[in-house]
């Protein structure tokens, strides 16, 4: 059965209320907002400056900084 977006949103709210209660659901929801601005336009301001070699270099540096990030095995 295909559900509408509104049905899924309602089910999500119901699950949050059941799990957290009304007050904590409201507190949880306050952390989320639709945001503002134009992500596509803004990300081009910094992304267009990067080259693939630069990105790979940054990824390698991050991996070197946190070499234990995948030690935990999730089953």
PDB file of N, CA and C in Angstrom:
ATOM      1  N   UNK A   1       0.839  -1.185   0.000  1.00  0.00           N
ATOM      2  CA  UNK A   1       0.000   0.000   0.000  1.00  0.00           C
ATOM      3  C   UNK A   1       0.887   1.252   0.000  1.00  0.00           C
ATOM      4  N   UNK A   2       0.650   2.126  -0.911  1.00  0.00           N
ATOM      5  CA  UNK A   2       1.403   3.379  -1.001  1.00  0.00           C
ATOM      6  C   UNK A   2       0.717   4.409  -0.112  1.00  0.00           C
ATOM      7  N   UNK A   3       1.509   5.025   0.744  1.00  0.00           N
ATOM      8  CA  UNK A   3       0.970   6.038   1.643  1.00  0.00           C
ATOM      9  C   UNK A   3       1.337   7.419   1.130  1.00  0.00           C
ATOM     10  N   UNK A   4       0.506   8.376   1.468  1.00  0.00           N
ATOM     11  CA  UNK A   4       0.791   9.751   1.076  1.00  0.00           C
ATOM     12  C   UNK A   4       1.860  10.327   2.006  1.00  0.00           C
ATOM     13  N   UNK A   5       2.435  11.429   1.589  1.00  0.00           N
ATOM     14  CA  UNK A   5       3.436  12.089   2.417  1.00  0.00           C
ATOM     15  C   UNK A   5       2.837  12.507   3.751  1.00  0.00           C
ATOM     16  N   UNK A   6       1.617  13.004   3.740  1.00  0.00           N
ATOM     17  CA  UNK A   6       0.962  13.420   4.988  1.00  0.00           C
ATOM     18  C   UNK A   6       0.741  12.240   5.920  1.00  0.00           C
ATOM     19  N   UNK A   7       0.410  11.085   5.378  1.00  0.00           N
ATOM     20  CA  UNK A   7       0.227   9.890   6.213  1.00  0.00           C
ATOM     21  C   UNK A   7       1.542   9.474   6.867  1.00  0.00           C
ATOM     22  N   UNK A   8       2.628   9.549   6.122  1.00  0.00           N
ATOM     23  CA  UNK A   8       3.937   9.189   6.659  1.00  0.00           C
ATOM     24  C   UNK A   8       4.355  10.184   7.736  1.00  0.00           C
ATOM     25  N   UNK A   9       4.114  11.460   7.505  1.00  0.00           N
ATOM     26  CA  UNK A   9       4.451  12.485   8.502  1.00  0.00           C
ATOM     27  C   UNK A   9       3.652  12.251   9.773  1.00  0.00           C
ATOM     28  N   UNK A  10       2.362  11.978   9.635  1.00  0.00           N
ATOM     29  CA  UNK A  10       1.523  11.709  10.810  1.00  0.00           C
ATOM     30  C   UNK A  10       2.018  10.485  11.557  1.00  0.00           C
ATOM     31  N   UNK A  11       2.371   9.435  10.837  1.00  0.00           N
ATOM     32  CA  UNK A  11       2.876   8.230  11.486  1.00  0.00           C
ATOM     33  C   UNK A  11       4.185   8.533  12.234  1.00  0.00           C
ATOM     34  N   UNK A  12       5.024   9.368  11.645  1.00  0.00           N
ATOM     35  CA  UNK A  12       6.268   9.756  12.310  1.00  0.00           C
ATOM     36  C   UNK A  12       6.010  10.529  13.588  1.00  0.00           C
ATOM     37  N   UNK A  13       5.089  11.498  13.539  1.00  0.00           N
ATOM     38  CA  UNK A  13       4.740  12.242  14.747  1.00  0.00           C
ATOM     39  C   UNK A  13       4.165  11.317  15.807  1.00  0.00           C
ATOM     40  N   UNK A  14       3.282  10.423  15.393  1.00  0.00           N
ATOM     41  CA  UNK A  14       2.684   9.479  16.345  1.00  0.00           C
ATOM     42  C   UNK A  14       3.758   8.621  17.015  1.00  0.00           C
ATOM     43  N   UNK A  15       4.740   8.168  16.228  1.00  0.00           N
ATOM     44  CA  UNK A  15       5.824   7.348  16.790  1.00  0.00           C
ATOM     45  C   UNK A  15       6.658   8.156  17.780  1.00  0.00           C
ATOM     46  N   UNK A  16       6.948   9.413  17.425  1.00  0.00           N
ATOM     47  CA  UNK A  16       7.709  10.260  18.342  1.00  0.00           C
ATOM     48  C   UNK A  16       6.941  10.492  19.646  1.00  0.00           C
ATOM     49  N   UNK A  17       5.676  10.791  19.525  1.00  0.00           N
ATOM     50  CA  UNK A  17       4.861  11.045  20.724  1.00  0.00           C
ATOM     51  C   UNK A  17       4.782   9.797  21.579  1.00  0.00           C
ATOM     52  N   UNK A  18       4.602   8.648  20.957  1.00  0.00           N
ATOM     53  CA  UNK A  18       4.532   7.387  21.706  1.00  0.00           C
ATOM     54  C   UNK A  18       5.854   7.115  22.417  1.00  0.00           C
ATOM     55  N   UNK A  19       6.969   7.403  21.754  1.00  0.00           N
ATOM     56  CA  UNK A  19       8.283   7.114  22.313  1.00  0.00           C
ATOM     57  C   UNK A  19       8.748   8.165  23.319  1.00  0.00           C
ATOM     58  N   UNK A  20       8.540   9.445  23.002  1.00  0.00           N
ATOM     59  CA  UNK A  20       9.091  10.528  23.812  1.00  0.00           C
ATOM     60  C   UNK A  20       8.079  11.251  24.687  1.00  0.00           C
ATOM     61  N   UNK A  21       6.815  11.144  24.347  1.00  0.00           N
ATOM     62  CA  UNK A  21       5.808  11.960  25.012  1.00  0.00           C
ATOM     63  C   UNK A  21       5.677  13.289  24.279  1.00  0.00           C
ATOM     64  N   UNK A  22       4.615  14.000  24.564  1.00  0.00           N
ATOM     65  CA  UNK A  22       4.315  15.232  23.835  1.00  0.00           C
ATOM     66  C   UNK A  22       5.382  16.300  24.074  1.00  0.00           C
ATOM     67  N   UNK A  23       5.729  16.539  25.328  1.00  0.00           N
ATOM     68  CA  UNK A  23       6.668  17.623  25.643  1.00  0.00           C
ATOM     69  C   UNK A  23       8.037  17.384  25.002  1.00  0.00           C
ATOM     70  N   UNK A  24       8.565  16.162  25.124  1.00  0.00           N
ATOM     71  CA  UNK A  24       9.877  15.888  24.550  1.00  0.00           C
ATOM     72  C   UNK A  24       9.829  15.816  23.029  1.00  0.00           C
ATOM     73  N   UNK A  25       8.686  15.443  22.463  1.00  0.00           N
ATOM     74  CA  UNK A  25       8.549  15.491  21.008  1.00  0.00           C
ATOM     75  C   UNK A  25       8.654  16.933  20.525  1.00  0.00           C
ATOM     76  N   UNK A  26       8.029  17.841  21.236  1.00  0.00           N
ATOM     77  CA  UNK A  26       8.108  19.256  20.875  1.00  0.00           C
ATOM     78  C   UNK A  26       9.548  19.741  20.997  1.00  0.00           C
ATOM     79  N   UNK A  27      10.224  19.363  22.075  1.00  0.00           N
ATOM     80  CA  UNK A  27      11.626  19.765  22.241  1.00  0.00           C
ATOM     81  C   UNK A  27      12.478  19.210  21.106  1.00  0.00           C
ATOM     82  N   UNK A  28      12.241  17.944  20.729  1.00  0.00           N
ATOM     83  CA  UNK A  28      12.980  17.314  19.632  1.00  0.00           C
ATOM     84  C   UNK A  28      12.730  18.056  18.322  1.00  0.00           C
ATOM     85  N   UNK A  29      11.487  18.381  18.041  1.00  0.00           N
ATOM     86  CA  UNK A  29      11.131  19.048  16.794  1.00  0.00           C
ATOM     87  C   UNK A  29      11.724  20.453  16.705  1.00  0.00           C
ATOM     88  N   UNK A  30      11.977  21.083  17.831  1.00  0.00           N
ATOM     89  CA  UNK A  30      12.550  22.424  17.819  1.00  0.00           C
ATOM     90  C   UNK A  30      13.973  22.445  17.274  1.00  0.00           C
ATOM     91  N   UNK A  31      14.630  21.295  17.244  1.00  0.00           N
ATOM     92  CA  UNK A  31      15.982  21.235  16.696  1.00  0.00           C
ATOM     93  C   UNK A  31      15.986  21.256  15.171  1.00  0.00           C
ATOM     94  N   UNK A  32      14.844  20.999  14.565  1.00  0.00           N
ATOM     95  CA  UNK A  32      14.774  20.901  13.116  1.00  0.00           C
ATOM     96  C   UNK A  32      13.969  22.055  12.546  1.00  0.00           C
ATOM     97  N   UNK A  33      14.499  22.632  11.461  1.00  0.00           N
ATOM     98  CA  UNK A  33      13.792  23.707  10.772  1.00  0.00           C
ATOM     99  C   UNK A  33      14.134  23.594   9.290  1.00  0.00           C
ATOM    100  N   UNK A  34      13.312  24.145   8.447  1.00  0.00           N
ATOM    101  CA  UNK A  34      13.529  23.979   7.009  1.00  0.00           C
ATOM    102  C   UNK A  34      14.784  24.670   6.480  1.00  0.00           C
ATOM    103  N   UNK A  35      15.366  25.555   7.247  1.00  0.00           N
ATOM    104  CA  UNK A  35      16.567  26.247   6.777  1.00  0.00           C
ATOM    105  C   UNK A  35      16.211  27.411   5.881  1.00  0.00           C
ATOM    106  N   UNK A  36      17.266  28.017   5.336  1.00  0.00           N
ATOM    107  CA  UNK A  36      17.041  29.162   4.462  1.00  0.00           C
ATOM    108  C   UNK A  36      18.181  29.243   3.474  1.00  0.00           C
ATOM    109  N   UNK A  37      18.011  30.010   2.471  1.00  0.00           N
ATOM    110  CA  UNK A  37      19.050  30.181   1.472  1.00  0.00           C
ATOM    111  C   UNK A  37      18.874  29.227   0.298  1.00  0.00           C
ATOM    112  N   UNK A  38      19.836  29.275  -0.588  1.00  0.00           N
ATOM    113  CA  UNK A  38      19.829  28.450  -1.794  1.00  0.00           C
ATOM    114  C   UNK A  38      21.056  27.553  -1.746  1.00  0.00           C
ATOM    115  N   UNK A  39      20.876  26.316  -1.281  1.00  0.00           N
ATOM    116  CA  UNK A  39      21.997  25.396  -1.101  1.00  0.00           C
ATOM    117  C   UNK A  39      22.782  25.212  -2.398  1.00  0.00           C
ATOM    118  N   UNK A  40      22.073  25.014  -3.502  1.00  0.00           N
ATOM    119  CA  UNK A  40      22.744  24.754  -4.776  1.00  0.00           C
ATOM    120  C   UNK A  40      23.654  25.907  -5.154  1.00  0.00           C
ATOM    121  N   UNK A  41      23.159  27.118  -5.024  1.00  0.00           N
ATOM    122  CA  UNK A  41      23.967  28.298  -5.352  1.00  0.00           C
ATOM    123  C   UNK A  41      25.137  28.438  -4.372  1.00  0.00           C
ATOM    124  N   UNK A  42      24.865  28.261  -3.090  1.00  0.00           N
ATOM    125  CA  UNK A  42      25.896  28.467  -2.081  1.00  0.00           C
ATOM    126  C   UNK A  42      26.989  27.413  -2.149  1.00  0.00           C
ATOM    127  N   UNK A  43      26.638  26.171  -2.423  1.00  0.00           N
ATOM    128  CA  UNK A  43      27.690  25.155  -2.423  1.00  0.00           C
ATOM    129  C   UNK A  43      28.617  25.317  -3.615  1.00  0.00           C
ATOM    130  N   UNK A  44      28.149  25.938  -4.677  1.00  0.00           N
ATOM    131  CA  UNK A  44      29.025  26.206  -5.821  1.00  0.00           C
ATOM    132  C   UNK A  44      30.100  27.233  -5.471  1.00  0.00           C
ATOM    133  N   UNK A  45      29.828  28.083  -4.496  1.00  0.00           N
ATOM    134  CA  UNK A  45      30.808  29.089  -4.094  1.00  0.00           C
ATOM    135  C   UNK A  45      32.094  28.451  -3.585  1.00  0.00           C
ATOM    136  N   UNK A  46      31.983  27.310  -2.921  1.00  0.00           N
ATOM    137  CA  UNK A  46      33.205  26.654  -2.446  1.00  0.00           C
ATOM    138  C   UNK A  46      33.542  25.404  -3.245  1.00  0.00           C
ATOM    139  N   UNK A  47      32.535  24.734  -3.781  1.00  0.00           N
ATOM    140  CA  UNK A  47      32.777  23.488  -4.490  1.00  0.00           C
ATOM    141  C   UNK A  47      33.476  23.717  -5.824  1.00  0.00           C
ATOM    142  N   UNK A  48      33.152  24.792  -6.497  1.00  0.00           N
ATOM    143  CA  UNK A  48      33.768  25.072  -7.794  1.00  0.00           C
ATOM    144  C   UNK A  48      35.272  25.333  -7.679  1.00  0.00           C
ATOM    145  N   UNK A  49      35.716  25.668  -6.468  1.00  0.00           N
ATOM    146  CA  UNK A  49      37.131  25.929  -6.233  1.00  0.00           C
ATOM    147  C   UNK A  49      37.939  24.642  -6.080  1.00  0.00           C
ATOM    148  N   UNK A  50      37.270  23.519  -5.807  1.00  0.00           N
ATOM    149  CA  UNK A  50      37.960  22.272  -5.506  1.00  0.00           C
ATOM    150  C   UNK A  50      38.181  21.441  -6.765  1.00  0.00           C
ATOM    151  N   UNK A  51      39.289  20.729  -6.745  1.00  0.00           N
ATOM    152  CA  UNK A  51      39.566  19.771  -7.809  1.00  0.00           C
ATOM    153  C   UNK A  51      39.494  18.375  -7.200  1.00  0.00           C
ATOM    154  N   UNK A  52      39.397  17.373  -8.036  1.00  0.00           N
ATOM    155  CA  UNK A  52      39.344  16.010  -7.533  1.00  0.00           C
ATOM    156  C   UNK A  52      40.587  15.662  -6.712  1.00  0.00           C
ATOM    157  N   UNK A  53      41.780  16.012  -7.173  1.00  0.00           N
ATOM    158  CA  UNK A  53      42.958  15.729  -6.337  1.00  0.00           C
ATOM    159  C   UNK A  53      42.888  16.408  -4.959  1.00  0.00           C
ATOM    160  N   UNK A  54      42.334  17.642  -4.898  1.00  0.00           N
ATOM    161  CA  UNK A  54      42.183  18.323  -3.609  1.00  0.00           C
ATOM    162  C   UNK A  54      41.238  17.559  -2.686  1.00  0.00           C
ATOM    163  N   UNK A  55      40.134  17.101  -3.243  1.00  0.00           N
ATOM    164  CA  UNK A  55      39.151  16.364  -2.449  1.00  0.00           C
ATOM    165  C   UNK A  55      39.768  15.066  -1.935  1.00  0.00           C
ATOM    166  N   UNK A  56      40.474  14.341  -2.792  1.00  0.00           N
ATOM    167  CA  UNK A  56      41.109  13.094  -2.377  1.00  0.00           C
ATOM    168  C   UNK A  56      42.145  13.345  -1.286  1.00  0.00           C
ATOM    169  N   UNK A  57      42.895  14.409  -1.414  1.00  0.00           N
ATOM    170  CA  UNK A  57      43.888  14.763  -0.405  1.00  0.00           C
ATOM    171  C   UNK A  57      43.228  15.047   0.940  1.00  0.00           C
ATOM    172  N   UNK A  58      42.119  15.771   0.918  1.00  0.00           N
ATOM    173  CA  UNK A  58      41.393  16.075   2.155  1.00  0.00           C
ATOM    174  C   UNK A  58      40.836  14.808   2.792  1.00  0.00           C
ATOM    175  N   UNK A  59      40.307  13.905   1.968  1.00  0.00           N
ATOM    176  CA  UNK A  59      39.776  12.644   2.490  1.00  0.00           C
ATOM    177  C   UNK A  59      40.878  11.809   3.126  1.00  0.00           C
ATOM    178  N   UNK A  60      42.031  11.766   2.513  1.00  0.00           N
ATOM    179  CA  UNK A  60      43.153  11.010   3.064  1.00  0.00           C
ATOM    180  C   UNK A  60      43.621  11.624   4.379  1.00  0.00           C
ATOM    181  N   UNK A  61      43.624  12.935   4.456  1.00  0.00           N
ATOM    182  CA  UNK A  61      44.016  13.599   5.701  1.00  0.00           C
ATOM    183  C   UNK A  61      43.021  13.287   6.814  1.00  0.00           C
ATOM    184  N   UNK A  62      41.732  13.290   6.496  1.00  0.00           N
ATOM    185  CA  UNK A  62      40.718  12.950   7.495  1.00  0.00           C
ATOM    186  C   UNK A  62      40.877  11.515   7.964  1.00  0.00           C
ATOM    187  N   UNK A  63      41.120  10.613   7.027  1.00  0.00           N
ATOM    188  CA  UNK A  63      41.296   9.208   7.383  1.00  0.00           C
ATOM    189  C   UNK A  63      42.512   9.023   8.277  1.00  0.00           C
ATOM    190  N   UNK A  64      43.579   9.764   8.023  1.00  0.00           N
ATOM    191  CA  UNK A  64      44.792   9.661   8.834  1.00  0.00           C
ATOM    192  C   UNK A  64      44.551  10.194  10.246  1.00  0.00           C
ATOM    193  N   UNK A  65      43.713  11.207  10.372  1.00  0.00           N
ATOM    194  CA  UNK A  65      43.413  11.783  11.680  1.00  0.00           C
ATOM    195  C   UNK A  65      42.582  10.837  12.535  1.00  0.00           C
ATOM    196  N   UNK A  66      41.705  10.076  11.910  1.00  0.00           N
ATOM    197  CA  UNK A  66      40.790   9.211  12.647  1.00  0.00           C
ATOM    198  C   UNK A  66      40.911   7.787  12.122  1.00  0.00           C
ATOM    199  N   UNK A  67      42.008   7.161  12.436  1.00  0.00           N
ATOM    200  CA  UNK A  67      42.265   5.824  11.901  1.00  0.00           C
ATOM    201  C   UNK A  67      41.453   4.745  12.598  1.00  0.00           C
ATOM    202  N   UNK A  68      40.760   5.075  13.680  1.00  0.00           N
ATOM    203  CA  UNK A  68      39.994   4.078  14.435  1.00  0.00           C
ATOM    204  C   UNK A  68      38.486   4.206  14.204  1.00  0.00           C
ATOM    205  N   UNK A  69      38.082   4.894  13.175  1.00  0.00           N
ATOM    206  CA  UNK A  69      36.668   5.167  12.984  1.00  0.00           C
ATOM    207  C   UNK A  69      35.840   3.943  12.615  1.00  0.00           C
ATOM    208  N   UNK A  70      36.473   2.883  12.115  1.00  0.00           N
ATOM    209  CA  UNK A  70      35.717   1.711  11.701  1.00  0.00           C
ATOM    210  C   UNK A  70      36.036   0.484  12.543  1.00  0.00           C
ATOM    211  N   UNK A  71      36.527   0.672  13.754  1.00  0.00           N
ATOM    212  CA  UNK A  71      36.883  -0.463  14.585  1.00  0.00           C
ATOM    213  C   UNK A  71      35.674  -1.235  15.080  1.00  0.00           C
ATOM    214  N   UNK A  72      34.579  -0.548  15.337  1.00  0.00           N
ATOM    215  CA  UNK A  72      33.399  -1.215  15.857  1.00  0.00           C
ATOM    216  C   UNK A  72      32.700  -1.964  14.723  1.00  0.00           C
ATOM    217  N   UNK A  73      32.384  -3.214  14.966  1.00  0.00           N
ATOM    218  CA  UNK A  73      31.672  -4.027  13.988  1.00  0.00           C
ATOM    219  C   UNK A  73      30.218  -4.080  14.398  1.00  0.00           C
ATOM    220  N   UNK A  74      29.342  -3.721  13.491  1.00  0.00           N
ATOM    221  CA  UNK A  74      27.914  -3.728  13.750  1.00  0.00           C
ATOM    222  C   UNK A  74      27.320  -4.933  13.058  1.00  0.00           C
ATOM    223  N   UNK A  75      26.667  -5.770  13.824  1.00  0.00           N
ATOM    224  CA  UNK A  75      26.063  -6.975  13.238  1.00  0.00           C
ATOM    225  C   UNK A  75      24.565  -6.844  13.181  1.00  0.00           C
TER     226      UNK A  75
END
